[in-house]
Every structure is written in C-alpha cells, then in structure tokens.
Amino acid sequence: FMTGSRVTQMTPVQGGSRLKIESSNGMQEI
C-alpha cells in the first residue's frame, strides 16, 4: 500500500507501464 500518494505520469514500456508516483517521501517509479 502507498497511501498519501498519487500517480502523476504513465509511460508505456515493454511488458506494461511505468508509473511515476508522488508522495511525501518524494517521487518514485513502479
């Protein structure tokens, strides 16, 4: 679970998507 977080961008990549997720801990990609 990633609460207090929001998806800011989606980029299609091989095999699916890469999401940029912003939270109080900064930005990360999944």
mmCIF file of all heavy atoms, coordinates in Angstrom:
data_MODEL
# 
_entry.id   MODEL 
# 
loop_
_atom_site.group_PDB 
_atom_site.id 
_atom_site.type_symbol 
_atom_site.label_atom_id 
_atom_site.label_alt_id 
_atom_site.label_comp_id 
_atom_site.label_asym_id 
_atom_site.label_entity_id 
_atom_site.label_seq_id 
_atom_site.pdbx_PDB_ins_code 
_atom_site.Cartn_x 
_atom_site.Cartn_y 
_atom_site.Cartn_z 
_atom_site.occupancy 
_atom_site.B_iso_or_equiv 
_atom_site.pdbx_formal_charge 
_atom_site.auth_seq_id 
_atom_site.auth_comp_id 
_atom_site.auth_asym_id 
_atom_site.auth_atom_id 
_atom_site.pdbx_PDB_model_num 
ATOM 1   N N   . PHE A 1 1  ? 0.837  -1.194 0.000   1.00 0.00 ? 1  PHE A N   1 
ATOM 2   C CA  . PHE A 1 1  ? 0.000  0.000  0.000   1.00 0.00 ? 1  PHE A CA  1 
ATOM 3   C C   . PHE A 1 1  ? 0.877  1.250  0.000   1.00 0.00 ? 1  PHE A C   1 
ATOM 4   O O   . PHE A 1 1  ? 1.857  1.327  0.739   1.00 0.00 ? 1  PHE A O   1 
ATOM 5   C CB  . PHE A 1 1  ? -0.921 0.021  1.220   1.00 0.00 ? 1  PHE A CB  1 
ATOM 6   C CG  . PHE A 1 1  ? -2.027 -0.985 1.149   1.00 0.00 ? 1  PHE A CG  1 
ATOM 7   C CD1 . PHE A 1 1  ? -1.886 -2.226 1.755   1.00 0.00 ? 1  PHE A CD1 1 
ATOM 8   C CD2 . PHE A 1 1  ? -3.194 -0.704 0.462   1.00 0.00 ? 1  PHE A CD2 1 
ATOM 9   C CE1 . PHE A 1 1  ? -2.901 -3.166 1.690   1.00 0.00 ? 1  PHE A CE1 1 
ATOM 10  C CE2 . PHE A 1 1  ? -4.211 -1.644 0.385   1.00 0.00 ? 1  PHE A CE2 1 
ATOM 11  C CZ  . PHE A 1 1  ? -4.074 -2.876 0.998   1.00 0.00 ? 1  PHE A CZ  1 
ATOM 12  N N   . MET A 1 2  ? 0.475  2.219  -0.814  1.00 0.00 ? 2  MET A N   1 
ATOM 13  C CA  . MET A 1 2  ? 1.129  3.521  -0.845  1.00 0.00 ? 2  MET A CA  1 
ATOM 14  C C   . MET A 1 2  ? 0.036  4.567  -0.618  1.00 0.00 ? 2  MET A C   1 
ATOM 15  O O   . MET A 1 2  ? -0.634 5.003  -1.560  1.00 0.00 ? 2  MET A O   1 
ATOM 16  C CB  . MET A 1 2  ? 1.835  3.743  -2.179  1.00 0.00 ? 2  MET A CB  1 
ATOM 17  C CG  . MET A 1 2  ? 2.910  2.716  -2.495  1.00 0.00 ? 2  MET A CG  1 
ATOM 18  S SD  . MET A 1 2  ? 3.661  2.973  -4.130  1.00 0.00 ? 2  MET A SD  1 
ATOM 19  C CE  . MET A 1 2  ? 4.495  4.547  -3.883  1.00 0.00 ? 2  MET A CE  1 
ATOM 20  N N   . THR A 1 3  ? -0.177 4.926  0.636   1.00 0.00 ? 3  THR A N   1 
ATOM 21  C CA  . THR A 1 3  ? -1.189 5.923  0.957   1.00 0.00 ? 3  THR A CA  1 
ATOM 22  C C   . THR A 1 3  ? -0.564 7.314  0.927   1.00 0.00 ? 3  THR A C   1 
ATOM 23  O O   . THR A 1 3  ? 0.659  7.465  0.966   1.00 0.00 ? 3  THR A O   1 
ATOM 24  C CB  . THR A 1 3  ? -1.813 5.648  2.332   1.00 0.00 ? 3  THR A CB  1 
ATOM 25  O OG1 . THR A 1 3  ? -0.764 5.543  3.306   1.00 0.00 ? 3  THR A OG1 1 
ATOM 26  C CG2 . THR A 1 3  ? -2.602 4.346  2.313   1.00 0.00 ? 3  THR A CG2 1 
ATOM 27  N N   . GLY A 1 4  ? -1.408 8.341  0.843   1.00 0.00 ? 4  GLY A N   1 
ATOM 28  C CA  . GLY A 1 4  ? -0.900 9.700  0.718   1.00 0.00 ? 4  GLY A CA  1 
ATOM 29  C C   . GLY A 1 4  ? -0.077 9.878  -0.548  1.00 0.00 ? 4  GLY A C   1 
ATOM 30  O O   . GLY A 1 4  ? 0.867  10.667 -0.570  1.00 0.00 ? 4  GLY A O   1 
ATOM 31  N N   . SER A 1 5  ? -0.453 9.168  -1.598  1.00 0.00 ? 5  SER A N   1 
ATOM 32  C CA  . SER A 1 5  ? 0.342  9.148  -2.831  1.00 0.00 ? 5  SER A CA  1 
ATOM 33  C C   . SER A 1 5  ? -0.561 9.330  -4.050  1.00 0.00 ? 5  SER A C   1 
ATOM 34  O O   . SER A 1 5  ? -1.750 9.008  -4.012  1.00 0.00 ? 5  SER A O   1 
ATOM 35  C CB  . SER A 1 5  ? 1.099  7.823  -2.967  1.00 0.00 ? 5  SER A CB  1 
ATOM 36  O OG  . SER A 1 5  ? 1.912  7.583  -1.837  1.00 0.00 ? 5  SER A OG  1 
ATOM 37  N N   . ARG A 1 6  ? 0.030  9.821  -5.136  1.00 0.00 ? 6  ARG A N   1 
ATOM 38  C CA  . ARG A 1 6  ? -0.746 9.976  -6.364  1.00 0.00 ? 6  ARG A CA  1 
ATOM 39  C C   . ARG A 1 6  ? 0.113  9.685  -7.582  1.00 0.00 ? 6  ARG A C   1 
ATOM 40  O O   . ARG A 1 6  ? 1.331  9.934  -7.579  1.00 0.00 ? 6  ARG A O   1 
ATOM 41  C CB  . ARG A 1 6  ? -1.350 11.366 -6.474  1.00 0.00 ? 6  ARG A CB  1 
ATOM 42  C CG  . ARG A 1 6  ? -0.362 12.506 -6.644  1.00 0.00 ? 6  ARG A CG  1 
ATOM 43  C CD  . ARG A 1 6  ? -1.056 13.860 -6.565  1.00 0.00 ? 6  ARG A CD  1 
ATOM 44  N NE  . ARG A 1 6  ? -0.119 14.955 -6.821  1.00 0.00 ? 6  ARG A NE  1 
ATOM 45  C CZ  . ARG A 1 6  ? -0.024 15.569 -7.997  1.00 0.00 ? 6  ARG A CZ  1 
ATOM 46  N NH1 . ARG A 1 6  ? -0.786 15.192 -9.008  1.00 0.00 ? 6  ARG A NH1 1 
ATOM 47  N NH2 . ARG A 1 6  ? 0.834  16.553 -8.161  1.00 0.00 ? 6  ARG A NH2 1 
ATOM 48  N N   . VAL A 1 7  ? -0.537 9.152  -8.618  1.00 0.00 ? 7  VAL A N   1 
ATOM 49  C CA  . VAL A 1 7  ? 0.149  8.879  -9.877  1.00 0.00 ? 7  VAL A CA  1 
ATOM 50  C C   . VAL A 1 7  ? 0.177  10.160 -10.691 1.00 0.00 ? 7  VAL A C   1 
ATOM 51  O O   . VAL A 1 7  ? -0.869 10.774 -10.948 1.00 0.00 ? 7  VAL A O   1 
ATOM 52  C CB  . VAL A 1 7  ? -0.559 7.760  -10.662 1.00 0.00 ? 7  VAL A CB  1 
ATOM 53  C CG1 . VAL A 1 7  ? 0.137  7.535  -12.010 1.00 0.00 ? 7  VAL A CG1 1 
ATOM 54  C CG2 . VAL A 1 7  ? -0.582 6.474  -9.858  1.00 0.00 ? 7  VAL A CG2 1 
ATOM 55  N N   . THR A 1 8  ? 1.364  10.575 -11.101 1.00 0.00 ? 8  THR A N   1 
ATOM 56  C CA  . THR A 1 8  ? 1.496  11.822 -11.867 1.00 0.00 ? 8  THR A CA  1 
ATOM 57  C C   . THR A 1 8  ? 1.748  11.588 -13.348 1.00 0.00 ? 8  THR A C   1 
ATOM 58  O O   . THR A 1 8  ? 1.518  12.472 -14.162 1.00 0.00 ? 8  THR A O   1 
ATOM 59  C CB  . THR A 1 8  ? 2.644  12.679 -11.311 1.00 0.00 ? 8  THR A CB  1 
ATOM 60  O OG1 . THR A 1 8  ? 3.876  11.936 -11.409 1.00 0.00 ? 8  THR A OG1 1 
ATOM 61  C CG2 . THR A 1 8  ? 2.390  13.038 -9.856  1.00 0.00 ? 8  THR A CG2 1 
ATOM 62  N N   . GLN A 1 9  ? 2.217  10.385 -13.693 1.00 0.00 ? 9  GLN A N   1 
ATOM 63  C CA  . GLN A 1 9  ? 2.545  10.133 -15.105 1.00 0.00 ? 9  GLN A CA  1 
ATOM 64  C C   . GLN A 1 9  ? 2.590  8.640  -15.373 1.00 0.00 ? 9  GLN A C   1 
ATOM 65  O O   . GLN A 1 9  ? 2.971  7.851  -14.513 1.00 0.00 ? 9  GLN A O   1 
ATOM 66  C CB  . GLN A 1 9  ? 3.909  10.757 -15.444 1.00 0.00 ? 9  GLN A CB  1 
ATOM 67  C CG  . GLN A 1 9  ? 4.300  10.635 -16.904 1.00 0.00 ? 9  GLN A CG  1 
ATOM 68  C CD  . GLN A 1 9  ? 5.662  11.275 -17.187 1.00 0.00 ? 9  GLN A CD  1 
ATOM 69  O OE1 . GLN A 1 9  ? 6.099  12.171 -16.457 1.00 0.00 ? 9  GLN A OE1 1 
ATOM 70  N NE2 . GLN A 1 9  ? 6.331  10.822 -18.217 1.00 0.00 ? 9  GLN A NE2 1 
ATOM 71  N N   . MET A 1 10 ? 2.161  8.259  -16.566 1.00 0.00 ? 10 MET A N   1 
ATOM 72  C CA  . MET A 1 10 ? 2.282  6.878  -17.025 1.00 0.00 ? 10 MET A CA  1 
ATOM 73  C C   . MET A 1 10 ? 3.005  6.860  -18.356 1.00 0.00 ? 10 MET A C   1 
ATOM 74  O O   . MET A 1 10 ? 2.680  7.633  -19.270 1.00 0.00 ? 10 MET A O   1 
ATOM 75  C CB  . MET A 1 10 ? 0.905  6.234  -17.198 1.00 0.00 ? 10 MET A CB  1 
ATOM 76  C CG  . MET A 1 10 ? 0.991  4.765  -17.616 1.00 0.00 ? 10 MET A CG  1 
ATOM 77  S SD  . MET A 1 10 ? -0.530 4.124  -18.367 1.00 0.00 ? 10 MET A SD  1 
ATOM 78  C CE  . MET A 1 10 ? -0.442 4.868  -19.996 1.00 0.00 ? 10 MET A CE  1 
ATOM 79  N N   . THR A 1 11 ? 3.972  5.980  -18.457 1.00 0.00 ? 11 THR A N   1 
ATOM 80  C CA  . THR A 1 11 ? 4.705  5.811  -19.706 1.00 0.00 ? 11 THR A CA  1 
ATOM 81  C C   . THR A 1 11 ? 4.659  4.346  -20.118 1.00 0.00 ? 11 THR A C   1 
ATOM 82  O O   . THR A 1 11 ? 5.059  3.478  -19.339 1.00 0.00 ? 11 THR A O   1 
ATOM 83  C CB  . THR A 1 11 ? 6.182  6.233  -19.539 1.00 0.00 ? 11 THR A CB  1 
ATOM 84  O OG1 . THR A 1 11 ? 6.241  7.570  -19.047 1.00 0.00 ? 11 THR A OG1 1 
ATOM 85  C CG2 . THR A 1 11 ? 6.916  6.133  -20.871 1.00 0.00 ? 11 THR A CG2 1 
ATOM 86  N N   . PRO A 1 12 ? 4.157  4.043  -21.324 1.00 0.00 ? 12 PRO A N   1 
ATOM 87  C CA  . PRO A 1 12 ? 4.184  2.649  -21.779 1.00 0.00 ? 12 PRO A CA  1 
ATOM 88  C C   . PRO A 1 12 ? 5.623  2.166  -21.939 1.00 0.00 ? 12 PRO A C   1 
ATOM 89  O O   . PRO A 1 12 ? 6.486  2.886  -22.453 1.00 0.00 ? 12 PRO A O   1 
ATOM 90  C CB  . PRO A 1 12 ? 3.476  2.703  -23.142 1.00 0.00 ? 12 PRO A CB  1 
ATOM 91  C CG  . PRO A 1 12 ? 2.666  3.962  -23.106 1.00 0.00 ? 12 PRO A CG  1 
ATOM 92  C CD  . PRO A 1 12 ? 3.471  4.928  -22.287 1.00 0.00 ? 12 PRO A CD  1 
ATOM 93  N N   . VAL A 1 13 ? 5.891  0.970  -21.450 1.00 0.00 ? 13 VAL A N   1 
ATOM 94  C CA  . VAL A 1 13 ? 7.198  0.333  -21.598 1.00 0.00 ? 13 VAL A CA  1 
ATOM 95  C C   . VAL A 1 13 ? 6.953  -1.100 -22.041 1.00 0.00 ? 13 VAL A C   1 
ATOM 96  O O   . VAL A 1 13 ? 5.814  -1.588 -22.042 1.00 0.00 ? 13 VAL A O   1 
ATOM 97  C CB  . VAL A 1 13 ? 8.000  0.357  -20.276 1.00 0.00 ? 13 VAL A CB  1 
ATOM 98  C CG1 . VAL A 1 13 ? 8.317  1.779  -19.862 1.00 0.00 ? 13 VAL A CG1 1 
ATOM 99  C CG2 . VAL A 1 13 ? 7.252  -0.365 -19.168 1.00 0.00 ? 13 VAL A CG2 1 
ATOM 100 N N   . GLN A 1 14 ? 8.017  -1.781 -22.409 1.00 0.00 ? 14 GLN A N   1 
ATOM 101 C CA  . GLN A 1 14 ? 7.865  -3.177 -22.819 1.00 0.00 ? 14 GLN A CA  1 
ATOM 102 C C   . GLN A 1 14 ? 7.291  -3.999 -21.675 1.00 0.00 ? 14 GLN A C   1 
ATOM 103 O O   . GLN A 1 14 ? 7.802  -3.999 -20.563 1.00 0.00 ? 14 GLN A O   1 
ATOM 104 C CB  . GLN A 1 14 ? 9.216  -3.750 -23.252 1.00 0.00 ? 14 GLN A CB  1 
ATOM 105 C CG  . GLN A 1 14 ? 9.108  -5.156 -23.834 1.00 0.00 ? 14 GLN A CG  1 
ATOM 106 C CD  . GLN A 1 14 ? 10.440 -5.642 -24.384 1.00 0.00 ? 14 GLN A CD  1 
ATOM 107 O OE1 . GLN A 1 14 ? 11.444 -4.953 -24.311 1.00 0.00 ? 14 GLN A OE1 1 
ATOM 108 N NE2 . GLN A 1 14 ? 10.441 -6.843 -24.935 1.00 0.00 ? 14 GLN A NE2 1 
ATOM 109 N N   . GLY A 1 15 ? 6.194  -4.669 -21.956 1.00 0.00 ? 15 GLY A N   1 
ATOM 110 C CA  . GLY A 1 15 ? 5.573  -5.514 -20.952 1.00 0.00 ? 15 GLY A CA  1 
ATOM 111 C C   . GLY A 1 15 ? 4.607  -4.799 -20.032 1.00 0.00 ? 15 GLY A C   1 
ATOM 112 O O   . GLY A 1 15 ? 4.111  -5.395 -19.073 1.00 0.00 ? 15 GLY A O   1 
ATOM 113 N N   . GLY A 1 16 ? 4.290  -3.515 -20.312 1.00 0.00 ? 16 GLY A N   1 
ATOM 114 C CA  . GLY A 1 16 ? 3.328  -2.836 -19.469 1.00 0.00 ? 16 GLY A CA  1 
ATOM 115 C C   . GLY A 1 16 ? 3.522  -1.344 -19.393 1.00 0.00 ? 16 GLY A C   1 
ATOM 116 O O   . GLY A 1 16 ? 3.695  -0.668 -20.410 1.00 0.00 ? 16 GLY A O   1 
ATOM 117 N N   . SER A 1 17 ? 3.512  -0.809 -18.156 1.00 0.00 ? 17 SER A N   1 
ATOM 118 C CA  . SER A 1 17 ? 3.572  0.634  -17.939 1.00 0.00 ? 17 SER A CA  1 
ATOM 119 C C   . SER A 1 17 ? 4.580  0.964  -16.846 1.00 0.00 ? 17 SER A C   1 
ATOM 120 O O   . SER A 1 17 ? 4.858  0.148  -15.973 1.00 0.00 ? 17 SER A O   1 
ATOM 121 C CB  . SER A 1 17 ? 2.198  1.169  -17.511 1.00 0.00 ? 17 SER A CB  1 
ATOM 122 O OG  . SER A 1 17 ? 1.213  0.876  -18.460 1.00 0.00 ? 17 SER A OG  1 
ATOM 123 N N   . ARG A 1 18 ? 5.091  2.185  -16.915 1.00 0.00 ? 18 ARG A N   1 
ATOM 124 C CA  . ARG A 1 18 ? 5.937  2.730  -15.845 1.00 0.00 ? 18 ARG A CA  1 
ATOM 125 C C   . ARG A 1 18 ? 5.212  3.929  -15.263 1.00 0.00 ? 18 ARG A C   1 
ATOM 126 O O   . ARG A 1 18 ? 4.864  4.868  -15.982 1.00 0.00 ? 18 ARG A O   1 
ATOM 127 C CB  . ARG A 1 18 ? 7.305  3.130  -16.370 1.00 0.00 ? 18 ARG A CB  1 
ATOM 128 C CG  . ARG A 1 18 ? 8.219  3.762  -15.322 1.00 0.00 ? 18 ARG A CG  1 
ATOM 129 C CD  . ARG A 1 18 ? 9.654  3.790  -15.813 1.00 0.00 ? 18 ARG A CD  1 
ATOM 130 N NE  . ARG A 1 18 ? 10.154 2.424  -15.982 1.00 0.00 ? 18 ARG A NE  1 
ATOM 131 C CZ  . ARG A 1 18 ? 11.087 2.069  -16.883 1.00 0.00 ? 18 ARG A CZ  1 
ATOM 132 N NH1 . ARG A 1 18 ? 11.608 2.985  -17.693 1.00 0.00 ? 18 ARG A NH1 1 
ATOM 133 N NH2 . ARG A 1 18 ? 11.486 0.814  -16.964 1.00 0.00 ? 18 ARG A NH2 1 
ATOM 134 N N   . LEU A 1 19 ? 4.950  3.874  -13.965 1.00 0.00 ? 19 LEU A N   1 
ATOM 135 C CA  . LEU A 1 19 ? 4.214  4.941  -13.301 1.00 0.00 ? 19 LEU A CA  1 
ATOM 136 C C   . LEU A 1 19 ? 5.141  5.777  -12.430 1.00 0.00 ? 19 LEU A C   1 
ATOM 137 O O   . LEU A 1 19 ? 6.000  5.239  -11.731 1.00 0.00 ? 19 LEU A O   1 
ATOM 138 C CB  . LEU A 1 19 ? 3.116  4.348  -12.414 1.00 0.00 ? 19 LEU A CB  1 
ATOM 139 C CG  . LEU A 1 19 ? 2.085  3.431  -13.073 1.00 0.00 ? 19 LEU A CG  1 
ATOM 140 C CD1 . LEU A 1 19 ? 1.053  2.989  -12.040 1.00 0.00 ? 19 LEU A CD1 1 
ATOM 141 C CD2 . LEU A 1 19 ? 1.408  4.111  -14.242 1.00 0.00 ? 19 LEU A CD2 1 
ATOM 142 N N   . LYS A 1 20 ? 4.952  7.093  -12.504 1.00 0.00 ? 20 LYS A N   1 
ATOM 143 C CA  . LYS A 1 20 ? 5.601  7.988  -11.555 1.00 0.00 ? 20 LYS A CA  1 
ATOM 144 C C   . LYS A 1 20 ? 4.610  8.278  -10.443 1.00 0.00 ? 20 LYS A C   1 
ATOM 145 O O   . LYS A 1 20 ? 3.484  8.701  -10.692 1.00 0.00 ? 20 LYS A O   1 
ATOM 146 C CB  . LYS A 1 20 ? 6.024  9.280  -12.241 1.00 0.00 ? 20 LYS A CB  1 
ATOM 147 C CG  . LYS A 1 20 ? 7.272  9.152  -13.109 1.00 0.00 ? 20 LYS A CG  1 
ATOM 148 C CD  . LYS A 1 20 ? 7.764  10.508 -13.575 1.00 0.00 ? 20 LYS A CD  1 
ATOM 149 C CE  . LYS A 1 20 ? 9.069  10.369 -14.358 1.00 0.00 ? 20 LYS A CE  1 
ATOM 150 N NZ  . LYS A 1 20 ? 9.564  11.705 -14.827 1.00 0.00 ? 20 LYS A NZ  1 
ATOM 151 N N   . ILE A 1 21 ? 5.051  8.021  -9.213  1.00 0.00 ? 21 ILE A N   1 
ATOM 152 C CA  . ILE A 1 21 ? 4.167  8.166  -8.060  1.00 0.00 ? 21 ILE A CA  1 
ATOM 153 C C   . ILE A 1 21 ? 4.789  9.154  -7.082  1.00 0.00 ? 21 ILE A C   1 
ATOM 154 O O   . ILE A 1 21 ? 5.932  8.990  -6.648  1.00 0.00 ? 21 ILE A O   1 
ATOM 155 C CB  . ILE A 1 21 ? 3.913  6.810  -7.382  1.00 0.00 ? 21 ILE A CB  1 
ATOM 156 C CG1 . ILE A 1 21 ? 3.261  5.853  -8.391  1.00 0.00 ? 21 ILE A CG1 1 
ATOM 157 C CG2 . ILE A 1 21 ? 3.044  6.973  -6.144  1.00 0.00 ? 21 ILE A CG2 1 
ATOM 158 C CD1 . ILE A 1 21 ? 3.099  4.449  -7.894  1.00 0.00 ? 21 ILE A CD1 1 
ATOM 159 N N   . GLU A 1 22 ? 3.993  10.182 -6.744  1.00 0.00 ? 22 GLU A N   1 
ATOM 160 C CA  . GLU A 1 22 ? 4.459  11.238 -5.858  1.00 0.00 ? 22 GLU A CA  1 
ATOM 161 C C   . GLU A 1 22 ? 3.859  11.052 -4.472  1.00 0.00 ? 22 GLU A C   1 
ATOM 162 O O   . GLU A 1 22 ? 2.656  10.797 -4.323  1.00 0.00 ? 22 GLU A O   1 
ATOM 163 C CB  . GLU A 1 22 ? 4.043  12.600 -6.421  1.00 0.00 ? 22 GLU A CB  1 
ATOM 164 C CG  . GLU A 1 22 ? 4.509  13.786 -5.606  1.00 0.00 ? 22 GLU A CG  1 
ATOM 165 C CD  . GLU A 1 22 ? 4.029  15.108 -6.186  1.00 0.00 ? 22 GLU A CD  1 
ATOM 166 O OE1 . GLU A 1 22 ? 3.129  15.097 -7.046  1.00 0.00 ? 22 GLU A OE1 1 
ATOM 167 O OE2 . GLU A 1 22 ? 4.550  16.149 -5.754  1.00 0.00 ? 22 GLU A OE2 1 
ATOM 168 N N   . SER A 1 23 ? 4.692  11.186 -3.452  1.00 0.00 ? 23 SER A N   1 
ATOM 169 C CA  . SER A 1 23 ? 4.219  11.123 -2.068  1.00 0.00 ? 23 SER A CA  1 
ATOM 170 C C   . SER A 1 23 ? 5.068  12.060 -1.227  1.00 0.00 ? 23 SER A C   1 
ATOM 171 O O   . SER A 1 23 ? 5.955  12.747 -1.744  1.00 0.00 ? 23 SER A O   1 
ATOM 172 C CB  . SER A 1 23 ? 4.326  9.691  -1.529  1.00 0.00 ? 23 SER A CB  1 
ATOM 173 O OG  . SER A 1 23 ? 5.683  9.329  -1.349  1.00 0.00 ? 23 SER A OG  1 
ATOM 174 N N   . SER A 1 24 ? 4.811  12.087 0.068   1.00 0.00 ? 24 SER A N   1 
ATOM 175 C CA  . SER A 1 24 ? 5.597  12.944 0.958   1.00 0.00 ? 24 SER A CA  1 
ATOM 176 C C   . SER A 1 24 ? 7.053  12.504 1.015   1.00 0.00 ? 24 SER A C   1 
ATOM 177 O O   . SER A 1 24 ? 7.926  13.277 1.431   1.00 0.00 ? 24 SER A O   1 
ATOM 178 C CB  . SER A 1 24 ? 4.993  12.922 2.368   1.00 0.00 ? 24 SER A CB  1 
ATOM 179 O OG  . SER A 1 24 ? 4.940  11.601 2.859   1.00 0.00 ? 24 SER A OG  1 
ATOM 180 N N   . ASN A 1 25 ? 7.302  11.260 0.600   1.00 0.00 ? 25 ASN A N   1 
ATOM 181 C CA  . ASN A 1 25 ? 8.677  10.747 0.582   1.00 0.00 ? 25 ASN A CA  1 
ATOM 182 C C   . ASN A 1 25 ? 9.402  11.055 -0.720  1.00 0.00 ? 25 ASN A C   1 
ATOM 183 O O   . ASN A 1 25 ? 10.530 10.614 -0.920  1.00 0.00 ? 25 ASN A O   1 
ATOM 184 C CB  . ASN A 1 25 ? 8.667  9.234  0.801   1.00 0.00 ? 25 ASN A CB  1 
ATOM 185 C CG  . ASN A 1 25 ? 8.118  8.854  2.158   1.00 0.00 ? 25 ASN A CG  1 
ATOM 186 O OD1 . ASN A 1 25 ? 8.371  9.550  3.138   1.00 0.00 ? 25 ASN A OD1 1 
ATOM 187 N ND2 . ASN A 1 25 ? 7.359  7.772  2.214   1.00 0.00 ? 25 ASN A ND2 1 
ATOM 188 N N   . GLY A 1 26 ? 8.739  11.801 -1.609  1.00 0.00 ? 26 GLY A N   1 
ATOM 189 C CA  . GLY A 1 26 ? 9.349  12.136 -2.885  1.00 0.00 ? 26 GLY A CA  1 
ATOM 190 C C   . GLY A 1 26 ? 8.720  11.383 -4.041  1.00 0.00 ? 26 GLY A C   1 
ATOM 191 O O   . GLY A 1 26 ? 7.612  10.857 -3.932  1.00 0.00 ? 26 GLY A O   1 
ATOM 192 N N   . MET A 1 27 ? 9.431  11.316 -5.148  1.00 0.00 ? 27 MET A N   1 
ATOM 193 C CA  . MET A 1 27 ? 8.929  10.673 -6.356  1.00 0.00 ? 27 MET A CA  1 
ATOM 194 C C   . MET A 1 27 ? 9.592  9.314  -6.532  1.00 0.00 ? 27 MET A C   1 
ATOM 195 O O   . MET A 1 27 ? 10.788 9.153  -6.294  1.00 0.00 ? 27 MET A O   1 
ATOM 196 C CB  . MET A 1 27 ? 9.240  11.550 -7.575  1.00 0.00 ? 27 MET A CB  1 
ATOM 197 C CG  . MET A 1 27 ? 8.553  11.121 -8.851  1.00 0.00 ? 27 MET A CG  1 
ATOM 198 S SD  . MET A 1 27 ? 6.810  11.583 -8.904  1.00 0.00 ? 27 MET A SD  1 
ATOM 199 C CE  . MET A 1 27 ? 6.933  13.367 -9.123  1.00 0.00 ? 27 MET A CE  1 
ATOM 200 N N   . GLN A 1 28 ? 8.804  8.312  -6.928  1.00 0.00 ? 28 GLN A N   1 
ATOM 201 C CA  . GLN A 1 28 ? 9.371  7.014  -7.267  1.00 0.00 ? 28 GLN A CA  1 
ATOM 202 C C   . GLN A 1 28 ? 8.664  6.438  -8.477  1.00 0.00 ? 28 GLN A C   1 
ATOM 203 O O   . GLN A 1 28 ? 7.570  6.883  -8.842  1.00 0.00 ? 28 GLN A O   1 
ATOM 204 C CB  . GLN A 1 28 ? 9.309  6.052  -6.088  1.00 0.00 ? 28 GLN A CB  1 
ATOM 205 C CG  . GLN A 1 28 ? 7.928  5.768  -5.556  1.00 0.00 ? 28 GLN A CG  1 
ATOM 206 C CD  . GLN A 1 28 ? 7.976  4.819  -4.365  1.00 0.00 ? 28 GLN A CD  1 
ATOM 207 O OE1 . GLN A 1 28 ? 8.377  3.664  -4.495  1.00 0.00 ? 28 GLN A OE1 1 
ATOM 208 N NE2 . GLN A 1 28 ? 7.596  5.315  -3.202  1.00 0.00 ? 28 GLN A NE2 1 
ATOM 209 N N   . GLU A 1 29 ? 9.299  5.459  -9.087  1.00 0.00 ? 29 GLU A N   1 
ATOM 210 C CA  . GLU A 1 29 ? 8.742  4.827  -10.284 1.00 0.00 ? 29 GLU A CA  1 
ATOM 211 C C   . GLU A 1 29 ? 8.437  3.365  -10.000 1.00 0.00 ? 29 GLU A C   1 
ATOM 212 O O   . GLU A 1 29 ? 9.185  2.693  -9.292  1.00 0.00 ? 29 GLU A O   1 
ATOM 213 C CB  . GLU A 1 29 ? 9.719  4.944  -11.451 1.00 0.00 ? 29 GLU A CB  1 
ATOM 214 C CG  . GLU A 1 29 ? 9.917  6.377  -11.930 1.00 0.00 ? 29 GLU A CG  1 
ATOM 215 C CD  . GLU A 1 29 ? 10.809 6.457  -13.172 1.00 0.00 ? 29 GLU A CD  1 
ATOM 216 O OE1 . GLU A 1 29 ? 11.506 5.443  -13.454 1.00 0.00 ? 29 GLU A OE1 1 
ATOM 217 O OE2 . GLU A 1 29 ? 10.821 7.499  -13.835 1.00 0.00 ? 29 GLU A OE2 1 
ATOM 218 N N   . ILE A 1 30 ? 7.342  2.894  -10.584 1.00 0.00 ? 30 ILE A N   1 
ATOM 219 C CA  . ILE A 1 30 ? 6.937  1.493  -10.457 1.00 0.00 ? 30 ILE A CA  1 
ATOM 220 C C   . ILE A 1 30 ? 6.560  0.972  -11.835 1.00 0.00 ? 30 ILE A C   1 
ATOM 221 O O   . ILE A 1 30 ? 5.803  1.620  -12.565 1.00 0.00 ? 30 ILE A O   1 
ATOM 222 C CB  . ILE A 1 30 ? 5.732  1.324  -9.506  1.00 0.00 ? 30 ILE A CB  1 
ATOM 223 C CG1 . ILE A 1 30 ? 6.113  1.701  -8.081  1.00 0.00 ? 30 ILE A CG1 1 
ATOM 224 C CG2 . ILE A 1 30 ? 5.200  -0.103 -9.541  1.00 0.00 ? 30 ILE A CG2 1 
ATOM 225 C CD1 . ILE A 1 30 ? 4.972  1.563  -7.098  1.00 0.00 ? 30 ILE A CD1 1 
# 
